[in-house]
């Protein structure tokens, strides 16, 4: 039942995008960014994280056209993209995106602002996960090599 409601919402938001384009004649309207954000939330709730990433990237593109590529709304949208990448285990992509967000927040808010520090903490957290993931893969490879060596003997 919940999935049906989310699918209805996606259809509704799709119609909203068409209406916004028809009424305002541009794809770069704040409502487009807001609708893309809402669609991303629905897709994420449905478990469609790749599509949610697409919608958040569209949101960032619109905000970039309206407010500039180094604006806080762009940083917020890309933080959500990074969070989705991290949740999918794409830690290197998440770190790269978070580093871009960090540059924006440092420029806008300063190095010692709470939001800037929060991004630094997220980069550290995702970096630690990435290191753990690599270590786990390396250990799994060593175990496989040992098993192959034992089979060869």
N, C-alpha and C. Protein backbone atom coordinates (compact mmCIF):
# COMPACT_ATOMS: atom_id res chain seq x y z
N UNK A 1 0.82 -1.19 0.00
CA UNK A 1 0.00 0.00 0.00
C UNK A 1 0.87 1.26 0.00
N UNK A 2 1.95 1.24 0.78
CA UNK A 2 2.83 2.39 0.84
C UNK A 2 3.48 2.66 -0.51
N UNK A 3 3.87 1.60 -1.20
CA UNK A 3 4.49 1.75 -2.51
C UNK A 3 3.52 2.40 -3.48
N UNK A 4 2.27 2.07 -3.39
CA UNK A 4 1.27 2.67 -4.27
C UNK A 4 1.19 4.17 -4.06
N UNK A 5 1.24 4.61 -2.82
CA UNK A 5 1.19 6.04 -2.50
C UNK A 5 2.42 6.75 -3.05
N UNK A 6 3.57 6.12 -2.92
CA UNK A 6 4.80 6.73 -3.42
C UNK A 6 4.79 6.82 -4.95
N UNK A 7 4.30 5.78 -5.59
CA UNK A 7 4.20 5.80 -7.05
C UNK A 7 3.23 6.89 -7.51
N UNK A 8 2.13 7.05 -6.77
CA UNK A 8 1.19 8.14 -7.08
C UNK A 8 1.88 9.50 -6.94
N UNK A 9 2.67 9.64 -5.90
CA UNK A 9 3.38 10.90 -5.67
C UNK A 9 4.35 11.18 -6.81
N UNK A 10 5.05 10.15 -7.28
CA UNK A 10 5.99 10.32 -8.40
C UNK A 10 5.25 10.80 -9.64
N UNK A 11 4.10 10.20 -9.93
CA UNK A 11 3.30 10.63 -11.08
C UNK A 11 2.85 12.08 -10.92
N UNK A 12 2.40 12.41 -9.72
CA UNK A 12 1.97 13.78 -9.43
C UNK A 12 3.11 14.77 -9.65
N UNK A 13 4.30 14.43 -9.12
CA UNK A 13 5.43 15.33 -9.27
C UNK A 13 5.86 15.44 -10.73
N UNK A 14 5.73 14.35 -11.48
CA UNK A 14 6.03 14.42 -12.92
C UNK A 14 5.11 15.40 -13.63
N UNK A 15 3.84 15.38 -13.26
CA UNK A 15 2.88 16.35 -13.83
C UNK A 15 3.24 17.77 -13.40
N UNK A 16 3.68 17.92 -12.17
CA UNK A 16 4.09 19.25 -11.68
C UNK A 16 5.24 19.80 -12.51
N UNK A 17 6.19 18.96 -12.84
CA UNK A 17 7.33 19.40 -13.65
C UNK A 17 6.85 19.89 -15.01
N UNK A 18 5.94 19.16 -15.61
CA UNK A 18 5.39 19.58 -16.91
C UNK A 18 4.67 20.92 -16.79
N UNK A 19 3.87 21.06 -15.74
CA UNK A 19 3.14 22.32 -15.53
C UNK A 19 4.09 23.50 -15.29
N UNK A 20 5.10 23.28 -14.48
CA UNK A 20 6.06 24.35 -14.20
C UNK A 20 6.75 24.78 -15.48
N UNK A 21 7.14 23.81 -16.30
CA UNK A 21 7.78 24.14 -17.58
C UNK A 21 6.83 24.91 -18.47
N UNK A 22 5.57 24.48 -18.52
CA UNK A 22 4.58 25.17 -19.36
C UNK A 22 4.30 26.59 -18.87
N UNK A 23 4.14 26.74 -17.58
CA UNK A 23 3.77 28.05 -17.02
C UNK A 23 4.93 29.03 -17.07
N UNK A 24 6.11 28.59 -16.62
CA UNK A 24 7.23 29.50 -16.50
C UNK A 24 8.16 29.47 -17.70
N UNK A 25 8.00 28.46 -18.56
CA UNK A 25 8.77 28.38 -19.78
C UNK A 25 10.26 28.15 -19.58
N UNK A 26 10.63 27.67 -18.42
CA UNK A 26 12.05 27.42 -18.16
C UNK A 26 12.20 26.22 -17.24
N UNK A 27 13.30 25.53 -17.43
CA UNK A 27 13.58 24.38 -16.57
C UNK A 27 14.36 24.82 -15.33
N UNK A 28 14.69 26.11 -15.27
CA UNK A 28 15.48 26.61 -14.15
C UNK A 28 14.64 27.51 -13.26
N UNK A 29 13.68 26.90 -12.62
CA UNK A 29 12.80 27.62 -11.71
C UNK A 29 12.94 26.95 -10.33
N UNK A 30 12.89 27.72 -9.26
CA UNK A 30 13.03 27.11 -7.92
C UNK A 30 12.05 25.96 -7.66
N UNK A 31 10.87 26.04 -8.23
CA UNK A 31 9.91 24.95 -8.05
C UNK A 31 10.41 23.64 -8.67
N UNK A 32 11.18 23.76 -9.76
CA UNK A 32 11.73 22.55 -10.39
C UNK A 32 12.70 21.86 -9.43
N UNK A 33 13.52 22.66 -8.76
CA UNK A 33 14.46 22.09 -7.79
C UNK A 33 13.71 21.43 -6.64
N UNK A 34 12.68 22.09 -6.16
CA UNK A 34 11.90 21.54 -5.04
C UNK A 34 11.20 20.23 -5.44
N UNK A 35 10.64 20.20 -6.63
CA UNK A 35 9.95 18.98 -7.10
C UNK A 35 10.96 17.85 -7.29
N UNK A 36 12.13 18.18 -7.85
CA UNK A 36 13.18 17.16 -8.01
C UNK A 36 13.58 16.59 -6.66
N UNK A 37 13.68 17.47 -5.67
CA UNK A 37 14.02 17.03 -4.31
C UNK A 37 12.95 16.07 -3.77
N UNK A 38 11.69 16.43 -3.94
CA UNK A 38 10.59 15.58 -3.45
C UNK A 38 10.58 14.23 -4.17
N UNK A 39 10.84 14.27 -5.48
CA UNK A 39 10.89 13.01 -6.24
C UNK A 39 12.04 12.13 -5.74
N UNK A 40 13.17 12.75 -5.42
CA UNK A 40 14.31 11.99 -4.90
C UNK A 40 13.96 11.33 -3.57
N UNK A 41 13.26 12.06 -2.71
CA UNK A 41 12.86 11.48 -1.42
C UNK A 41 11.95 10.27 -1.61
N UNK A 42 11.02 10.39 -2.55
CA UNK A 42 10.12 9.26 -2.83
C UNK A 42 10.91 8.07 -3.38
N UNK A 43 11.80 8.34 -4.34
CA UNK A 43 12.60 7.25 -4.93
C UNK A 43 13.45 6.57 -3.87
N UNK A 44 14.05 7.36 -2.99
CA UNK A 44 14.87 6.78 -1.92
C UNK A 44 14.02 5.91 -1.01
N UNK A 45 12.84 6.38 -0.68
CA UNK A 45 11.92 5.62 0.18
C UNK A 45 11.52 4.30 -0.50
N UNK A 46 11.43 4.33 -1.82
CA UNK A 46 11.07 3.13 -2.57
C UNK A 46 12.26 2.18 -2.75
N UNK A 47 13.44 2.63 -2.33
CA UNK A 47 14.64 1.81 -2.48
C UNK A 47 15.33 2.01 -3.81
N UNK A 48 14.92 3.00 -4.57
CA UNK A 48 15.50 3.28 -5.89
C UNK A 48 16.55 4.39 -5.74
N UNK A 49 17.68 4.01 -5.14
CA UNK A 49 18.68 5.02 -4.80
C UNK A 49 19.35 5.64 -6.02
N UNK A 50 19.56 4.88 -7.07
CA UNK A 50 20.19 5.43 -8.28
C UNK A 50 19.30 6.52 -8.89
N UNK A 51 18.00 6.26 -8.93
CA UNK A 51 17.08 7.27 -9.44
C UNK A 51 17.00 8.47 -8.49
N UNK A 52 17.10 8.21 -7.20
CA UNK A 52 17.11 9.31 -6.23
C UNK A 52 18.34 10.20 -6.45
N UNK A 53 19.47 9.57 -6.73
CA UNK A 53 20.69 10.34 -7.03
C UNK A 53 20.45 11.23 -8.24
N UNK A 54 19.84 10.67 -9.27
CA UNK A 54 19.56 11.44 -10.48
C UNK A 54 18.72 12.68 -10.16
N UNK A 55 17.70 12.51 -9.34
CA UNK A 55 16.82 13.64 -9.00
C UNK A 55 17.55 14.68 -8.15
N UNK A 56 18.39 14.23 -7.22
CA UNK A 56 19.16 15.20 -6.42
C UNK A 56 20.18 15.94 -7.29
N UNK A 57 20.75 15.24 -8.26
CA UNK A 57 21.68 15.91 -9.18
C UNK A 57 20.95 16.94 -10.03
N UNK A 58 19.73 16.62 -10.43
CA UNK A 58 18.91 17.58 -11.17
C UNK A 58 18.59 18.79 -10.29
N UNK A 59 18.27 18.52 -9.04
CA UNK A 59 18.03 19.61 -8.09
C UNK A 59 19.26 20.51 -7.99
N UNK A 60 20.44 19.92 -7.87
CA UNK A 60 21.68 20.70 -7.78
C UNK A 60 21.92 21.50 -9.05
N UNK A 61 21.60 20.92 -10.20
CA UNK A 61 21.79 21.62 -11.48
C UNK A 61 20.91 22.87 -11.53
N UNK A 62 19.65 22.72 -11.13
CA UNK A 62 18.73 23.86 -11.16
C UNK A 62 19.20 24.94 -10.18
N UNK A 63 19.54 24.53 -8.95
CA UNK A 63 20.02 25.53 -7.98
C UNK A 63 21.30 26.19 -8.47
N UNK A 64 22.14 25.43 -9.15
CA UNK A 64 23.38 25.99 -9.70
C UNK A 64 23.11 27.08 -10.73
N UNK A 65 22.10 26.85 -11.56
CA UNK A 65 21.72 27.86 -12.56
C UNK A 65 21.12 29.10 -11.90
N UNK A 66 20.35 28.88 -10.84
CA UNK A 66 19.65 29.99 -10.19
C UNK A 66 20.54 30.76 -9.21
N UNK A 67 21.33 30.05 -8.42
CA UNK A 67 22.08 30.67 -7.33
C UNK A 67 23.58 30.69 -7.53
N UNK A 68 24.05 29.97 -8.54
CA UNK A 68 25.48 29.84 -8.76
C UNK A 68 25.97 28.48 -8.31
N UNK A 69 27.00 27.96 -8.98
CA UNK A 69 27.47 26.61 -8.68
C UNK A 69 28.10 26.45 -7.30
N UNK A 70 28.49 27.54 -6.68
CA UNK A 70 29.11 27.48 -5.35
C UNK A 70 28.15 27.94 -4.25
N UNK A 71 26.86 27.71 -4.45
CA UNK A 71 25.85 28.17 -3.50
C UNK A 71 25.51 27.08 -2.48
N UNK A 72 24.91 27.51 -1.39
CA UNK A 72 24.53 26.57 -0.33
C UNK A 72 23.45 25.57 -0.76
N UNK A 73 22.45 25.97 -1.56
CA UNK A 73 21.49 24.96 -2.02
C UNK A 73 22.14 23.86 -2.86
N UNK A 74 23.14 24.22 -3.65
CA UNK A 74 23.88 23.22 -4.44
C UNK A 74 24.62 22.29 -3.49
N UNK A 75 25.27 22.86 -2.48
CA UNK A 75 26.00 22.04 -1.51
C UNK A 75 25.06 21.08 -0.79
N UNK A 76 23.88 21.55 -0.42
CA UNK A 76 22.92 20.69 0.28
C UNK A 76 22.47 19.53 -0.61
N UNK A 77 22.20 19.82 -1.88
CA UNK A 77 21.78 18.76 -2.80
C UNK A 77 22.89 17.74 -2.99
N UNK A 78 24.13 18.22 -3.13
CA UNK A 78 25.24 17.28 -3.31
C UNK A 78 25.55 16.50 -2.04
N UNK A 79 25.26 17.05 -0.88
CA UNK A 79 25.42 16.28 0.36
C UNK A 79 24.48 15.08 0.35
N UNK A 80 23.27 15.30 -0.16
CA UNK A 80 22.31 14.19 -0.25
C UNK A 80 22.78 13.15 -1.27
N UNK A 81 23.38 13.60 -2.38
CA UNK A 81 23.93 12.67 -3.37
C UNK A 81 25.04 11.84 -2.72
N UNK A 82 25.92 12.50 -1.97
CA UNK A 82 27.02 11.80 -1.31
C UNK A 82 26.50 10.77 -0.31
N UNK A 83 25.46 11.15 0.43
CA UNK A 83 24.89 10.21 1.41
C UNK A 83 24.33 8.97 0.72
N UNK A 84 23.69 9.16 -0.42
CA UNK A 84 23.17 8.00 -1.16
C UNK A 84 24.31 7.13 -1.68
N UNK A 85 25.35 7.76 -2.21
CA UNK A 85 26.51 6.98 -2.68
C UNK A 85 27.11 6.18 -1.53
N UNK A 86 27.27 6.81 -0.38
CA UNK A 86 27.84 6.12 0.78
C UNK A 86 26.95 4.96 1.21
N UNK A 87 25.64 5.16 1.16
CA UNK A 87 24.72 4.08 1.57
C UNK A 87 24.77 2.90 0.60
N UNK A 88 25.22 3.16 -0.62
CA UNK A 88 25.34 2.10 -1.62
C UNK A 88 26.74 1.47 -1.61
N UNK A 89 27.61 1.97 -0.73
CA UNK A 89 28.97 1.45 -0.66
C UNK A 89 29.92 2.09 -1.66
N UNK A 90 29.49 3.14 -2.32
CA UNK A 90 30.34 3.87 -3.28
C UNK A 90 31.09 4.96 -2.51
N UNK A 91 31.97 4.53 -1.64
CA UNK A 91 32.60 5.45 -0.70
C UNK A 91 33.52 6.45 -1.38
N UNK A 92 34.25 6.02 -2.40
CA UNK A 92 35.16 6.95 -3.08
C UNK A 92 34.38 8.06 -3.77
N UNK A 93 33.27 7.72 -4.40
CA UNK A 93 32.43 8.75 -5.03
C UNK A 93 31.86 9.69 -3.97
N UNK A 94 31.45 9.13 -2.84
CA UNK A 94 30.91 9.95 -1.76
C UNK A 94 31.97 10.92 -1.23
N UNK A 95 33.18 10.43 -1.05
CA UNK A 95 34.25 11.29 -0.55
C UNK A 95 34.54 12.43 -1.53
N UNK A 96 34.59 12.09 -2.80
CA UNK A 96 34.86 13.11 -3.82
C UNK A 96 33.78 14.21 -3.80
N UNK A 97 32.54 13.81 -3.71
CA UNK A 97 31.44 14.77 -3.67
C UNK A 97 31.49 15.59 -2.38
N UNK A 98 31.76 14.93 -1.26
CA UNK A 98 31.83 15.64 0.02
C UNK A 98 32.99 16.64 0.04
N UNK A 99 34.06 16.33 -0.65
CA UNK A 99 35.17 17.29 -0.74
C UNK A 99 34.75 18.55 -1.50
N UNK A 100 33.94 18.38 -2.54
CA UNK A 100 33.42 19.55 -3.26
C UNK A 100 32.48 20.35 -2.36
N UNK A 101 31.64 19.65 -1.60
CA UNK A 101 30.72 20.32 -0.66
C UNK A 101 31.53 21.08 0.38
N UNK A 102 32.60 20.47 0.85
CA UNK A 102 33.45 21.11 1.85
C UNK A 102 34.03 22.41 1.32
N UNK A 103 34.48 22.41 0.07
CA UNK A 103 35.03 23.64 -0.52
C UNK A 103 33.97 24.74 -0.55
N UNK A 104 32.75 24.38 -0.92
CA UNK A 104 31.66 25.37 -0.98
C UNK A 104 31.38 25.92 0.42
N UNK A 105 31.26 25.02 1.39
CA UNK A 105 30.91 25.45 2.75
C UNK A 105 32.04 26.26 3.39
N UNK A 106 33.29 25.90 3.12
CA UNK A 106 34.40 26.70 3.64
C UNK A 106 34.35 28.11 3.07
N UNK A 107 34.08 28.21 1.76
CA UNK A 107 34.03 29.52 1.11
C UNK A 107 32.86 30.35 1.63
N UNK A 108 31.73 29.72 1.87
CA UNK A 108 30.52 30.45 2.27
C UNK A 108 30.42 30.69 3.78
N UNK A 109 30.82 29.69 4.55
CA UNK A 109 30.58 29.76 5.99
C UNK A 109 31.85 29.93 6.82
N UNK A 110 32.97 29.58 6.24
CA UNK A 110 34.22 29.62 6.99
C UNK A 110 34.60 28.23 7.48
N UNK A 111 35.86 28.09 7.79
CA UNK A 111 36.41 26.79 8.17
C UNK A 111 35.87 26.28 9.50
N UNK A 112 35.56 27.18 10.42
CA UNK A 112 35.20 26.75 11.78
C UNK A 112 33.70 26.70 12.03
N UNK A 113 32.90 26.89 11.01
CA UNK A 113 31.44 26.83 11.16
C UNK A 113 31.02 25.38 11.42
N UNK A 114 29.96 25.22 12.17
CA UNK A 114 29.47 23.88 12.51
C UNK A 114 29.14 23.02 11.30
N UNK A 115 28.52 23.61 10.29
CA UNK A 115 28.18 22.84 9.09
C UNK A 115 29.42 22.40 8.33
N UNK A 116 30.44 23.27 8.30
CA UNK A 116 31.70 22.92 7.64
C UNK A 116 32.36 21.77 8.38
N UNK A 117 32.38 21.86 9.69
CA UNK A 117 32.98 20.80 10.49
C UNK A 117 32.22 19.47 10.34
N UNK A 118 30.90 19.57 10.20
CA UNK A 118 30.09 18.36 10.02
C UNK A 118 30.46 17.65 8.71
N UNK A 119 30.73 18.42 7.67
CA UNK A 119 31.15 17.81 6.40
C UNK A 119 32.52 17.16 6.56
N UNK A 120 33.42 17.82 7.27
CA UNK A 120 34.74 17.21 7.53
C UNK A 120 34.59 15.89 8.27
N UNK A 121 33.69 15.86 9.25
CA UNK A 121 33.44 14.63 10.01
C UNK A 121 32.88 13.54 9.10
N UNK A 122 31.98 13.90 8.19
CA UNK A 122 31.41 12.91 7.26
C UNK A 122 32.49 12.35 6.34
N UNK A 123 33.39 13.21 5.88
CA UNK A 123 34.48 12.74 5.01
C UNK A 123 35.33 11.73 5.78
N UNK A 124 35.64 12.03 7.03
CA UNK A 124 36.42 11.12 7.85
C UNK A 124 35.69 9.79 8.05
N UNK A 125 34.40 9.87 8.35
CA UNK A 125 33.60 8.67 8.58
C UNK A 125 33.55 7.79 7.33
N UNK A 126 33.26 8.40 6.19
CA UNK A 126 33.17 7.63 4.94
C UNK A 126 34.55 7.11 4.55
N UNK A 127 35.58 7.91 4.80
CA UNK A 127 36.96 7.45 4.52
C UNK A 127 37.32 6.24 5.36
N UNK A 128 36.90 6.25 6.63
CA UNK A 128 37.16 5.09 7.50
C UNK A 128 36.42 3.86 6.99
N UNK A 129 35.18 4.06 6.55
CA UNK A 129 34.43 2.93 5.99
C UNK A 129 35.13 2.39 4.75
N UNK A 130 35.63 3.30 3.92
CA UNK A 130 36.31 2.90 2.69
C UNK A 130 37.57 2.10 3.03
N UNK A 131 38.32 2.54 4.04
CA UNK A 131 39.53 1.83 4.46
C UNK A 131 39.16 0.44 4.98
N UNK A 132 38.12 0.37 5.80
CA UNK A 132 37.67 -0.92 6.32
C UNK A 132 37.24 -1.85 5.19
N UNK A 133 36.54 -1.29 4.20
CA UNK A 133 36.07 -2.08 3.07
C UNK A 133 37.26 -2.63 2.28
N UNK A 134 38.26 -1.81 2.04
CA UNK A 134 39.45 -2.26 1.31
C UNK A 134 40.20 -3.33 2.09
N UNK A 135 40.33 -3.12 3.41
CA UNK A 135 41.00 -4.09 4.25
C UNK A 135 40.27 -5.42 4.23
N UNK A 136 38.94 -5.37 4.31
CA UNK A 136 38.13 -6.59 4.27
C UNK A 136 38.34 -7.31 2.93
N UNK A 137 38.34 -6.57 1.83
CA UNK A 137 38.55 -7.17 0.51
C UNK A 137 39.95 -7.78 0.40
N UNK A 138 40.94 -7.08 0.96
CA UNK A 138 42.31 -7.59 0.93
C UNK A 138 42.42 -8.88 1.73
N UNK A 139 41.80 -8.89 2.92
CA UNK A 139 41.84 -10.09 3.77
C UNK A 139 41.12 -11.25 3.09
N UNK A 140 40.01 -10.97 2.43
CA UNK A 140 39.28 -12.01 1.71
C UNK A 140 40.15 -12.58 0.59
N UNK A 141 40.91 -11.72 -0.07
CA UNK A 141 41.81 -12.17 -1.13
C UNK A 141 42.93 -13.03 -0.58
N UNK A 142 43.47 -12.67 0.57
CA UNK A 142 44.53 -13.46 1.20
C UNK A 142 44.01 -14.83 1.58
N UNK A 143 42.80 -14.89 2.15
CA UNK A 143 42.20 -16.18 2.52
C UNK A 143 42.00 -17.05 1.28
N UNK A 144 41.55 -16.46 0.17
CA UNK A 144 41.35 -17.22 -1.06
C UNK A 144 42.67 -17.76 -1.58
N UNK A 145 43.72 -16.96 -1.53
CA UNK A 145 45.04 -17.41 -1.99
C UNK A 145 45.53 -18.55 -1.12
N UNK A 146 45.35 -18.44 0.20
CA UNK A 146 45.76 -19.51 1.11
C UNK A 146 45.00 -20.79 0.81
N UNK A 147 43.72 -20.69 0.53
CA UNK A 147 42.93 -21.88 0.20
C UNK A 147 43.42 -22.51 -1.09
N UNK A 148 43.73 -21.69 -2.08
CA UNK A 148 44.25 -22.20 -3.36
C UNK A 148 45.61 -22.86 -3.15
N UNK A 149 46.45 -22.26 -2.31
CA UNK A 149 47.76 -22.86 -2.02
C UNK A 149 47.59 -24.20 -1.34
N UNK A 150 46.65 -24.31 -0.40
CA UNK A 150 46.43 -25.57 0.30
C UNK A 150 45.90 -26.63 -0.66
N UNK A 151 45.05 -26.22 -1.60
CA UNK A 151 44.51 -27.17 -2.57
C UNK A 151 45.61 -27.66 -3.52
N UNK A 152 46.57 -26.79 -3.82
CA UNK A 152 47.65 -27.15 -4.73
C UNK A 152 48.61 -28.14 -4.09
N UNK A 153 48.70 -28.13 -2.77
CA UNK A 153 49.63 -29.03 -2.05
C UNK A 153 49.00 -30.36 -1.95
